[in-house]
């Protein structure tokens, strides 16, 4: 038996069962759910930084979607926030590195 104690995607128990194995899962309360979402986000960001995989970016996007849903923020509201920040402060397409600021 391997103990994982980690947040997994919704269909993982089905995938495990289809492979002929058994697993135990439990439903998290709100406090532990957001904690585990944040932990999983950190894990996926580290995995992306290690291998630069677009697959890892997809995992990060799915976690962001789940966190937004948990916080009651719609994808449209999130896009409005992102767009407002981009309009006010710009994006990252110019590849600017701030070296220093002087008085």
PDB file of N, CA and C in Angstrom:
ATOM      1  N   UNK A   1       0.847  -1.178   0.000  1.00  0.00           N
ATOM      2  CA  UNK A   1       0.000   0.000   0.000  1.00  0.00           C
ATOM      3  C   UNK A   1       0.895   1.245   0.000  1.00  0.00           C
ATOM      4  N   UNK A   2       0.568   2.188  -0.886  1.00  0.00           N
ATOM      5  CA  UNK A   2       1.267   3.461  -0.952  1.00  0.00           C
ATOM      6  C   UNK A   2       0.327   4.541  -0.415  1.00  0.00           C
ATOM      7  N   UNK A   3       0.794   5.333   0.541  1.00  0.00           N
ATOM      8  CA  UNK A   3       0.005   6.415   1.122  1.00  0.00           C
ATOM      9  C   UNK A   3       0.369   7.709   0.408  1.00  0.00           C
ATOM     10  N   UNK A   4      -0.631   8.414  -0.112  1.00  0.00           N
ATOM     11  CA  UNK A   4      -0.397   9.646  -0.853  1.00  0.00           C
ATOM     12  C   UNK A   4      -0.822  10.897  -0.071  1.00  0.00           C
ATOM     13  N   UNK A   5      -2.026  10.888   0.489  1.00  0.00           N
ATOM     14  CA  UNK A   5      -2.562  12.055   1.205  1.00  0.00           C
ATOM     15  C   UNK A   5      -2.364  13.344   0.408  1.00  0.00           C
ATOM     16  N   UNK A   6      -2.813  13.350  -0.838  1.00  0.00           N
ATOM     17  CA  UNK A   6      -2.707  14.552  -1.652  1.00  0.00           C
ATOM     18  C   UNK A   6      -3.973  14.744  -2.473  1.00  0.00           C
ATOM     19  N   UNK A   7      -4.214  15.977  -2.829  1.00  0.00           N
ATOM     20  CA  UNK A   7      -5.351  16.330  -3.662  1.00  0.00           C
ATOM     21  C   UNK A   7      -5.147  15.754  -5.053  1.00  0.00           C
ATOM     22  N   UNK A   8      -6.186  15.115  -5.580  1.00  0.00           N
ATOM     23  CA  UNK A   8      -6.119  14.552  -6.930  1.00  0.00           C
ATOM     24  C   UNK A   8      -7.314  15.018  -7.747  1.00  0.00           C
ATOM     25  N   UNK A   9      -7.179  14.907  -9.047  1.00  0.00           N
ATOM     26  CA  UNK A   9      -8.285  15.248  -9.948  1.00  0.00           C
ATOM     27  C   UNK A   9      -9.462  14.309  -9.702  1.00  0.00           C
ATOM     28  N   UNK A  10     -10.659  14.787 -10.043  1.00  0.00           N
ATOM     29  CA  UNK A  10     -11.912  14.092  -9.729  1.00  0.00           C
ATOM     30  C   UNK A  10     -12.003  12.659 -10.262  1.00  0.00           C
ATOM     31  N   UNK A  11     -11.422  12.397 -11.408  1.00  0.00           N
ATOM     32  CA  UNK A  11     -11.574  11.084 -12.029  1.00  0.00           C
ATOM     33  C   UNK A  11     -10.465  10.095 -11.662  1.00  0.00           C
ATOM     34  N   UNK A  12      -9.524  10.499 -10.850  1.00  0.00           N
ATOM     35  CA  UNK A  12      -8.414   9.612 -10.481  1.00  0.00           C
ATOM     36  C   UNK A  12      -8.900   8.322  -9.803  1.00  0.00           C
ATOM     37  N   UNK A  13      -9.895   8.366  -8.903  1.00  0.00           N
ATOM     38  CA  UNK A  13     -10.374   7.090  -8.349  1.00  0.00           C
ATOM     39  C   UNK A  13     -10.899   6.133  -9.431  1.00  0.00           C
ATOM     40  N   UNK A  14     -11.554   6.670 -10.458  1.00  0.00           N
ATOM     41  CA  UNK A  14     -12.025   5.827 -11.571  1.00  0.00           C
ATOM     42  C   UNK A  14     -10.846   5.218 -12.330  1.00  0.00           C
ATOM     43  N   UNK A  15      -9.823   6.017 -12.558  1.00  0.00           N
ATOM     44  CA  UNK A  15      -8.634   5.543 -13.270  1.00  0.00           C
ATOM     45  C   UNK A  15      -7.967   4.422 -12.471  1.00  0.00           C
ATOM     46  N   UNK A  16      -7.876   4.598 -11.180  1.00  0.00           N
ATOM     47  CA  UNK A  16      -7.276   3.585 -10.313  1.00  0.00           C
ATOM     48  C   UNK A  16      -8.100   2.307 -10.349  1.00  0.00           C
ATOM     49  N   UNK A  17      -9.420   2.447 -10.240  1.00  0.00           N
ATOM     50  CA  UNK A  17     -10.307   1.271 -10.276  1.00  0.00           C
ATOM     51  C   UNK A  17     -10.203   0.542 -11.618  1.00  0.00           C
ATOM     52  N   UNK A  18     -10.106   1.295 -12.698  1.00  0.00           N
ATOM     53  CA  UNK A  18      -9.999   0.687 -14.027  1.00  0.00           C
ATOM     54  C   UNK A  18      -8.709  -0.107 -14.189  1.00  0.00           C
ATOM     55  N   UNK A  19      -7.704   0.241 -13.388  1.00  0.00           N
ATOM     56  CA  UNK A  19      -6.433  -0.490 -13.453  1.00  0.00           C
ATOM     57  C   UNK A  19      -6.457  -1.740 -12.574  1.00  0.00           C
ATOM     58  N   UNK A  20      -7.610  -1.993 -11.923  1.00  0.00           N
ATOM     59  CA  UNK A  20      -7.743  -3.175 -11.086  1.00  0.00           C
ATOM     60  C   UNK A  20      -7.308  -2.979  -9.646  1.00  0.00           C
ATOM     61  N   UNK A  21      -7.028  -1.741  -9.278  1.00  0.00           N
ATOM     62  CA  UNK A  21      -6.595  -1.452  -7.908  1.00  0.00           C
ATOM     63  C   UNK A  21      -7.731  -0.789  -7.138  1.00  0.00           C
ATOM     64  N   UNK A  22      -7.568  -0.720  -5.839  1.00  0.00           N
ATOM     65  CA  UNK A  22      -8.541  -0.046  -4.979  1.00  0.00           C
ATOM     66  C   UNK A  22      -7.871   1.141  -4.304  1.00  0.00           C
ATOM     67  N   UNK A  23      -8.688   2.131  -3.975  1.00  0.00           N
ATOM     68  CA  UNK A  23      -8.155   3.290  -3.264  1.00  0.00           C
ATOM     69  C   UNK A  23      -9.197   3.789  -2.275  1.00  0.00           C
ATOM     70  N   UNK A  24      -8.728   4.539  -1.325  1.00  0.00           N
ATOM     71  CA  UNK A  24      -9.609   5.199  -0.367  1.00  0.00           C
ATOM     72  C   UNK A  24      -9.472   6.699  -0.574  1.00  0.00           C
ATOM     73  N   UNK A  25     -10.598   7.379  -0.631  1.00  0.00           N
ATOM     74  CA  UNK A  25     -10.603   8.835  -0.749  1.00  0.00           C
ATOM     75  C   UNK A  25     -11.528   9.400   0.316  1.00  0.00           C
ATOM     76  N   UNK A  26     -11.374  10.674   0.595  1.00  0.00           N
ATOM     77  CA  UNK A  26     -12.312  11.369   1.461  1.00  0.00           C
ATOM     78  C   UNK A  26     -12.536  12.763   0.894  1.00  0.00           C
ATOM     79  N   UNK A  27     -13.674  13.335   1.198  1.00  0.00           N
ATOM     80  CA  UNK A  27     -14.016  14.672   0.738  1.00  0.00           C
ATOM     81  C   UNK A  27     -13.498  15.673   1.769  1.00  0.00           C
ATOM     82  N   UNK A  28     -12.798  16.686   1.281  1.00  0.00           N
ATOM     83  CA  UNK A  28     -12.195  17.685   2.162  1.00  0.00           C
ATOM     84  C   UNK A  28     -13.198  18.759   2.559  1.00  0.00           C
ATOM     85  N   UNK A  29     -13.063  19.280   3.775  1.00  0.00           N
ATOM     86  CA  UNK A  29     -13.866  20.444   4.156  1.00  0.00           C
ATOM     87  C   UNK A  29     -13.234  21.676   3.508  1.00  0.00           C
ATOM     88  N   UNK A  30     -13.921  22.806   3.603  1.00  0.00           N
ATOM     89  CA  UNK A  30     -13.464  24.021   2.923  1.00  0.00           C
ATOM     90  C   UNK A  30     -12.054  24.431   3.322  1.00  0.00           C
ATOM     91  N   UNK A  31     -11.772  24.399   4.603  1.00  0.00           N
ATOM     92  CA  UNK A  31     -10.465  24.849   5.096  1.00  0.00           C
ATOM     93  C   UNK A  31      -9.335  23.985   4.540  1.00  0.00           C
ATOM     94  N   UNK A  32      -9.511  22.673   4.584  1.00  0.00           N
ATOM     95  CA  UNK A  32      -8.458  21.793   4.084  1.00  0.00           C
ATOM     96  C   UNK A  32      -8.404  21.814   2.559  1.00  0.00           C
ATOM     97  N   UNK A  33      -9.558  21.995   1.906  1.00  0.00           N
ATOM     98  CA  UNK A  33      -9.596  22.034   0.444  1.00  0.00           C
ATOM     99  C   UNK A  33      -8.744  23.181  -0.097  1.00  0.00           C
ATOM    100  N   UNK A  34      -8.931  24.392   0.431  1.00  0.00           N
ATOM    101  CA  UNK A  34      -8.157  25.522  -0.078  1.00  0.00           C
ATOM    102  C   UNK A  34      -6.675  25.353   0.274  1.00  0.00           C
ATOM    103  N   UNK A  35      -6.382  24.797   1.427  1.00  0.00           N
ATOM    104  CA  UNK A  35      -4.993  24.516   1.797  1.00  0.00           C
ATOM    105  C   UNK A  35      -4.369  23.546   0.792  1.00  0.00           C
ATOM    106  N   UNK A  36      -5.085  22.471   0.476  1.00  0.00           N
ATOM    107  CA  UNK A  36      -4.567  21.464  -0.461  1.00  0.00           C
ATOM    108  C   UNK A  36      -4.486  22.006  -1.885  1.00  0.00           C
ATOM    109  N   UNK A  37      -5.439  22.866  -2.287  1.00  0.00           N
ATOM    110  CA  UNK A  37      -5.350  23.502  -3.603  1.00  0.00           C
ATOM    111  C   UNK A  37      -4.077  24.331  -3.701  1.00  0.00           C
ATOM    112  N   UNK A  38      -3.799  25.098  -2.658  1.00  0.00           N
ATOM    113  CA  UNK A  38      -2.599  25.938  -2.655  1.00  0.00           C
ATOM    114  C   UNK A  38      -1.322  25.091  -2.670  1.00  0.00           C
ATOM    115  N   UNK A  39      -1.321  24.002  -1.913  1.00  0.00           N
ATOM    116  CA  UNK A  39      -0.164  23.101  -1.917  1.00  0.00           C
ATOM    117  C   UNK A  39       0.042  22.489  -3.299  1.00  0.00           C
ATOM    118  N   UNK A  40      -1.060  22.063  -3.909  1.00  0.00           N
ATOM    119  CA  UNK A  40      -0.990  21.455  -5.232  1.00  0.00           C
ATOM    120  C   UNK A  40      -0.511  22.475  -6.263  1.00  0.00           C
ATOM    121  N   UNK A  41      -0.944  23.725  -6.137  1.00  0.00           N
ATOM    122  CA  UNK A  41      -0.494  24.773  -7.043  1.00  0.00           C
ATOM    123  C   UNK A  41       1.024  24.943  -6.925  1.00  0.00           C
ATOM    124  N   UNK A  42       1.534  24.986  -5.714  1.00  0.00           N
ATOM    125  CA  UNK A  42       2.989  25.094  -5.517  1.00  0.00           C
ATOM    126  C   UNK A  42       3.707  23.901  -6.151  1.00  0.00           C
ATOM    127  N   UNK A  43       3.164  22.702  -5.955  1.00  0.00           N
ATOM    128  CA  UNK A  43       3.762  21.491  -6.519  1.00  0.00           C
ATOM    129  C   UNK A  43       3.810  21.574  -8.045  1.00  0.00           C
ATOM    130  N   UNK A  44       2.702  21.983  -8.649  1.00  0.00           N
ATOM    131  CA  UNK A  44       2.642  22.051 -10.112  1.00  0.00           C
ATOM    132  C   UNK A  44       3.542  23.145 -10.662  1.00  0.00           C
ATOM    133  N   UNK A  45       3.650  24.269  -9.968  1.00  0.00           N
ATOM    134  CA  UNK A  45       4.562  25.331 -10.408  1.00  0.00           C
ATOM    135  C   UNK A  45       6.006  24.814 -10.360  1.00  0.00           C
ATOM    136  N   UNK A  46       6.373  24.110  -9.295  1.00  0.00           N
ATOM    137  CA  UNK A  46       7.723  23.543  -9.204  1.00  0.00           C
ATOM    138  C   UNK A  46       7.976  22.551 -10.335  1.00  0.00           C
ATOM    139  N   UNK A  47       6.971  21.717 -10.651  1.00  0.00           N
ATOM    140  CA  UNK A  47       7.123  20.762 -11.751  1.00  0.00           C
ATOM    141  C   UNK A  47       7.281  21.493 -13.080  1.00  0.00           C
ATOM    142  N   UNK A  48       6.517  22.574 -13.277  1.00  0.00           N
ATOM    143  CA  UNK A  48       6.659  23.349 -14.507  1.00  0.00           C
ATOM    144  C   UNK A  48       8.056  23.966 -14.599  1.00  0.00           C
ATOM    145  N   UNK A  49       8.527  24.550 -13.503  1.00  0.00           N
ATOM    146  CA  UNK A  49       9.847  25.178 -13.509  1.00  0.00           C
ATOM    147  C   UNK A  49      10.950  24.160 -13.793  1.00  0.00           C
ATOM    148  N   UNK A  50      10.745  22.917 -13.368  1.00  0.00           N
ATOM    149  CA  UNK A  50      11.752  21.879 -13.579  1.00  0.00           C
ATOM    150  C   UNK A  50      11.825  21.432 -15.028  1.00  0.00           C
ATOM    151  N   UNK A  51      10.663  21.346 -15.706  1.00  0.00           N
ATOM    152  CA  UNK A  51      10.717  20.793 -17.067  1.00  0.00           C
ATOM    153  C   UNK A  51      10.065  21.657 -18.151  1.00  0.00           C
ATOM    154  N   UNK A  52       9.505  22.819 -17.774  1.00  0.00           N
ATOM    155  CA  UNK A  52       8.924  23.756 -18.741  1.00  0.00           C
ATOM    156  C   UNK A  52       7.828  23.126 -19.610  1.00  0.00           C
ATOM    157  N   UNK A  53       7.123  22.138 -19.088  1.00  0.00           N
ATOM    158  CA  UNK A  53       6.123  21.398 -19.847  1.00  0.00           C
ATOM    159  C   UNK A  53       4.798  22.159 -19.940  1.00  0.00           C
ATOM    160  N   UNK A  54       4.244  22.208 -21.141  1.00  0.00           N
ATOM    161  CA  UNK A  54       2.927  22.814 -21.338  1.00  0.00           C
ATOM    162  C   UNK A  54       1.877  22.011 -20.572  1.00  0.00           C
ATOM    163  N   UNK A  55       2.086  20.709 -20.410  1.00  0.00           N
ATOM    164  CA  UNK A  55       1.174  19.871 -19.619  1.00  0.00           C
ATOM    165  C   UNK A  55       1.089  20.389 -18.183  1.00  0.00           C
ATOM    166  N   UNK A  56       2.203  20.802 -17.633  1.00  0.00           N
ATOM    167  CA  UNK A  56       2.205  21.352 -16.269  1.00  0.00           C
ATOM    168  C   UNK A  56       1.466  22.681 -16.229  1.00  0.00           C
ATOM    169  N   UNK A  57       1.594  23.488 -17.283  1.00  0.00           N
ATOM    170  CA  UNK A  57       0.830  24.739 -17.345  1.00  0.00           C
ATOM    171  C   UNK A  57      -0.667  24.451 -17.354  1.00  0.00           C
ATOM    172  N   UNK A  58      -1.077  23.372 -18.027  1.00  0.00           N
ATOM    173  CA  UNK A  58      -2.494  22.988 -18.040  1.00  0.00           C
ATOM    174  C   UNK A  58      -2.955  22.617 -16.635  1.00  0.00           C
ATOM    175  N   UNK A  59      -2.105  21.931 -15.882  1.00  0.00           N
ATOM    176  CA  UNK A  59      -2.437  21.594 -14.491  1.00  0.00           C
ATOM    177  C   UNK A  59      -2.565  22.862 -13.657  1.00  0.00           C
ATOM    178  N   UNK A  60      -1.664  23.805 -13.869  1.00  0.00           N
ATOM    179  CA  UNK A  60      -1.718  25.074 -13.142  1.00  0.00           C
ATOM    180  C   UNK A  60      -3.001  25.818 -13.465  1.00  0.00           C
ATOM    181  N   UNK A  61      -3.373  25.848 -14.741  1.00  0.00           N
ATOM    182  CA  UNK A  61      -4.616  26.512 -15.153  1.00  0.00           C
ATOM    183  C   UNK A  61      -5.832  25.845 -14.512  1.00  0.00           C
ATOM    184  N   UNK A  62      -5.830  24.527 -14.423  1.00  0.00           N
ATOM    185  CA  UNK A  62      -6.952  23.811 -13.795  1.00  0.00           C
ATOM    186  C   UNK A  62      -7.030  24.143 -12.309  1.00  0.00           C
ATOM    187  N   UNK A  63      -5.890  24.252 -11.655  1.00  0.00           N
ATOM    188  CA  UNK A  63      -5.879  24.627 -10.240  1.00  0.00           C
ATOM    189  C   UNK A  63      -6.353  26.057 -10.046  1.00  0.00           C
ATOM    190  N   UNK A  64      -5.949  26.958 -10.919  1.00  0.00           N
ATOM    191  CA  UNK A  64      -6.418  28.343 -10.833  1.00  0.00           C
ATOM    192  C   UNK A  64      -7.934  28.378 -10.992  1.00  0.00           C
ATOM    193  N   UNK A  65      -8.456  27.606 -11.943  1.00  0.00           N
ATOM    194  CA  UNK A  65      -9.907  27.537 -12.139  1.00  0.00           C
ATOM    195  C   UNK A  65     -10.604  27.044 -10.871  1.00  0.00           C
ATOM    196  N   UNK A  66     -10.056  26.025 -10.239  1.00  0.00           N
ATOM    197  CA  UNK A  66     -10.650  25.469  -9.016  1.00  0.00           C
ATOM    198  C   UNK A  66     -10.598  26.477  -7.869  1.00  0.00           C
ATOM    199  N   UNK A  67      -9.484  27.200  -7.744  1.00  0.00           N
ATOM    200  CA  UNK A  67      -9.354  28.199  -6.684  1.00  0.00           C
ATOM    201  C   UNK A  67     -10.348  29.335  -6.909  1.00  0.00           C
ATOM    202  N   UNK A  68     -10.479  29.779  -8.156  1.00  0.00           N
ATOM    203  CA  UNK A  68     -11.452  30.833  -8.465  1.00  0.00           C
ATOM    204  C   UNK A  68     -12.863  30.386  -8.116  1.00  0.00           C
ATOM    205  N   UNK A  69     -13.203  29.159  -8.500  1.00  0.00           N
ATOM    206  CA  UNK A  69     -14.540  28.621  -8.192  1.00  0.00           C
ATOM    207  C   UNK A  69     -14.766  28.583  -6.684  1.00  0.00           C
ATOM    208  N   UNK A  70     -13.775  28.105  -5.945  1.00  0.00           N
ATOM    209  CA  UNK A  70     -13.877  28.045  -4.487  1.00  0.00           C
ATOM    210  C   UNK A  70     -14.098  29.437  -3.892  1.00  0.00           C
ATOM    211  N   UNK A  71     -13.412  30.428  -4.440  1.00  0.00           N
ATOM    212  CA  UNK A  71     -13.504  31.802  -3.933  1.00  0.00           C
ATOM    213  C   UNK A  71     -14.711  32.560  -4.481  1.00  0.00           C
ATOM    214  N   UNK A  72     -15.497  31.906  -5.339  1.00  0.00           N
ATOM    215  CA  UNK A  72     -16.706  32.536  -5.868  1.00  0.00           C
ATOM    216  C   UNK A  72     -16.438  33.575  -6.944  1.00  0.00           C
ATOM    217  N   UNK A  73     -15.324  33.423  -7.640  1.00  0.00           N
ATOM    218  CA  UNK A  73     -14.959  34.355  -8.711  1.00  0.00           C
ATOM    219  C   UNK A  73     -15.172  33.645 -10.042  1.00  0.00           C
ATOM    220  N   UNK A  74     -15.985  34.230 -10.903  1.00  0.00           N
ATOM    221  CA  UNK A  74     -16.259  33.619 -12.203  1.00  0.00           C
ATOM    222  C   UNK A  74     -15.073  33.833 -13.143  1.00  0.00           C
ATOM    223  N   UNK A  75     -14.962  33.002 -14.174  1.00  0.00           N
ATOM    224  CA  UNK A  75     -13.907  33.222 -15.166  1.00  0.00           C
ATOM    225  C   UNK A  75     -13.991  34.614 -15.793  1.00  0.00           C
ATOM    226  N   UNK A  76     -15.199  35.117 -16.011  1.00  0.00           N
ATOM    227  CA  UNK A  76     -15.356  36.462 -16.573  1.00  0.00           C
ATOM    228  C   UNK A  76     -14.847  37.534 -15.613  1.00  0.00           C
ATOM    229  N   UNK A  77     -15.163  37.387 -14.322  1.00  0.00           N
ATOM    230  CA  UNK A  77     -14.669  38.346 -13.331  1.00  0.00           C
ATOM    231  C   UNK A  77     -13.142  38.319 -13.275  1.00  0.00           C
ATOM    232  N   UNK A  78     -12.599  37.127 -13.313  1.00  0.00           N
ATOM    233  CA  UNK A  78     -11.142  36.980 -13.284  1.00  0.00           C
ATOM    234  C   UNK A  78     -10.510  37.641 -14.499  1.00  0.00           C
ATOM    235  N   UNK A  79     -11.104  37.437 -15.660  1.00  0.00           N
ATOM    236  CA  UNK A  79     -10.584  38.048 -16.881  1.00  0.00           C
ATOM    237  C   UNK A  79     -10.657  39.570 -16.801  1.00  0.00           C
ATOM    238  N   UNK A  80     -11.723  40.095 -16.199  1.00  0.00           N
ATOM    239  CA  UNK A  80     -11.827  41.545 -15.996  1.00  0.00           C
ATOM    240  C   UNK A  80     -10.683  42.057 -15.120  1.00  0.00           C
ATOM    241  N   UNK A  81     -10.392  41.347 -14.058  1.00  0.00           N
ATOM    242  CA  UNK A  81      -9.302  41.723 -13.156  1.00  0.00           C
ATOM    243  C   UNK A  81      -7.970  41.679 -13.908  1.00  0.00           C
ATOM    244  N   UNK A  82      -7.759  40.597 -14.656  1.00  0.00           N
ATOM    245  CA  UNK A  82      -6.518  40.457 -15.423  1.00  0.00           C
ATOM    246  C   UNK A  82      -6.385  41.583 -16.448  1.00  0.00           C
ATOM    247  N   UNK A  83      -7.452  41.858 -17.162  1.00  0.00           N
ATOM    248  CA  UNK A  83      -7.437  42.891 -18.194  1.00  0.00           C
ATOM    249  C   UNK A  83      -7.184  44.274 -17.585  1.00  0.00           C
ATOM    250  N   UNK A  84      -7.813  44.565 -16.457  1.00  0.00           N
ATOM    251  CA  UNK A  84      -7.617  45.861 -15.798  1.00  0.00           C
ATOM    252  C   UNK A  84      -6.158  46.029 -15.377  1.00  0.00           C
ATOM    253  N   UNK A  85      -5.562  44.963 -14.836  1.00  0.00           N
ATOM    254  CA  UNK A  85      -4.146  45.041 -14.452  1.00  0.00           C
ATOM    255  C   UNK A  85      -3.268  45.241 -15.680  1.00  0.00           C
ATOM    256  N   UNK A  86      -3.616  44.563 -16.759  1.00  0.00           N
ATOM    257  CA  UNK A  86      -2.836  44.709 -17.988  1.00  0.00           C
ATOM    258  C   UNK A  86      -2.943  46.129 -18.532  1.00  0.00           C
ATOM    259  N   UNK A  87      -4.137  46.687 -18.512  1.00  0.00           N
ATOM    260  CA  UNK A  87      -4.321  48.056 -18.999  1.00  0.00           C
ATOM    261  C   UNK A  87      -3.582  49.068 -18.126  1.00  0.00           C
ATOM    262  N   UNK A  88      -3.617  48.864 -16.817  1.00  0.00           N
ATOM    263  CA  UNK A  88      -2.995  49.806 -15.889  1.00  0.00           C
ATOM    264  C   UNK A  88      -1.477  49.668 -15.847  1.00  0.00           C
ATOM    265  N   UNK A  89      -0.981  48.431 -15.909  1.00  0.00           N
ATOM    266  CA  UNK A  89       0.444  48.204 -15.677  1.00  0.00           C
ATOM    267  C   UNK A  89       1.144  47.500 -16.836  1.00  0.00           C
ATOM    268  N   UNK A  90       0.364  47.053 -17.820  1.00  0.00           N
ATOM    269  CA  UNK A  90       0.941  46.361 -18.969  1.00  0.00           C
ATOM    270  C   UNK A  90       1.016  44.866 -18.757  1.00  0.00           C
ATOM    271  N   UNK A  91       1.498  44.198 -19.789  1.00  0.00           N
ATOM    272  CA  UNK A  91       1.704  42.749 -19.722  1.00  0.00           C
ATOM    273  C   UNK A  91       3.190  42.461 -19.565  1.00  0.00           C
ATOM    274  N   UNK A  92       3.634  41.379 -20.175  1.00  0.00           N
ATOM    275  CA  UNK A  92       5.038  40.997 -20.097  1.00  0.00           C
ATOM    276  C   UNK A  92       5.659  40.791 -21.472  1.00  0.00           C
ATOM    277  N   UNK A  93       4.960  41.192 -22.510  1.00  0.00           N
ATOM    278  CA  UNK A  93       5.426  40.907 -23.873  1.00  0.00           C
ATOM    279  C   UNK A  93       6.666  41.700 -24.280  1.00  0.00           C
ATOM    280  N   UNK A  94       6.946  42.823 -23.618  1.00  0.00           N
ATOM    281  CA  UNK A  94       8.130  43.622 -23.970  1.00  0.00           C
ATOM    282  C   UNK A  94       9.413  43.093 -23.333  1.00  0.00           C
ATOM    283  N   UNK A  95       9.287  42.093 -22.456  1.00  0.00           N
ATOM    284  CA  UNK A  95      10.443  41.417 -21.840  1.00  0.00           C
ATOM    285  C   UNK A  95      11.340  42.368 -21.048  1.00  0.00           C
ATOM    286  N   UNK A  96      10.734  43.298 -20.339  1.00  0.00           N
ATOM    287  CA  UNK A  96      11.483  44.319 -19.617  1.00  0.00           C
ATOM    288  C   UNK A  96      12.026  43.802 -18.290  1.00  0.00           C
ATOM    289  N   UNK A  97      13.285  44.116 -18.008  1.00  0.00           N
ATOM    290  CA  UNK A  97      13.906  43.806 -16.724  1.00  0.00           C
ATOM    291  C   UNK A  97      14.224  45.134 -16.056  1.00  0.00           C
ATOM    292  N   UNK A  98      13.607  45.415 -14.914  1.00  0.00           N
ATOM    293  CA  UNK A  98      13.891  46.633 -14.156  1.00  0.00           C
ATOM    294  C   UNK A  98      15.207  46.439 -13.422  1.00  0.00           C
ATOM    295  N   UNK A  99      16.195  47.206 -13.787  1.00  0.00           N
ATOM    296  CA  UNK A  99      17.529  47.059 -13.207  1.00  0.00           C
ATOM    297  C   UNK A  99      17.638  47.849 -11.908  1.00  0.00           C
ATOM    298  N   UNK A 100      17.245  49.122 -11.924  1.00  0.00           N
ATOM    299  CA  UNK A 100      17.266  49.912 -10.696  1.00  0.00           C
ATOM    300  C   UNK A 100      16.423  51.164 -10.892  1.00  0.00           C
ATOM    301  N   UNK A 101      16.136  51.838  -9.784  1.00  0.00           N
ATOM    302  CA  UNK A 101      15.412  53.100  -9.773  1.00  0.00           C
ATOM    303  C   UNK A 101      16.207  54.062  -8.907  1.00  0.00           C
ATOM    304  N   UNK A 102      16.378  55.295  -9.389  1.00  0.00           N
ATOM    305  CA  UNK A 102      17.132  56.296  -8.629  1.00  0.00           C
ATOM    306  C   UNK A 102      16.242  57.469  -8.288  1.00  0.00           C
ATOM    307  N   UNK A 103      16.610  58.184  -7.220  1.00  0.00           N
ATOM    308  CA  UNK A 103      15.885  59.398  -6.836  1.00  0.00           C
ATOM    309  C   UNK A 103      16.405  60.591  -7.587  1.00  0.00           C
TER     310      UNK A 103
END
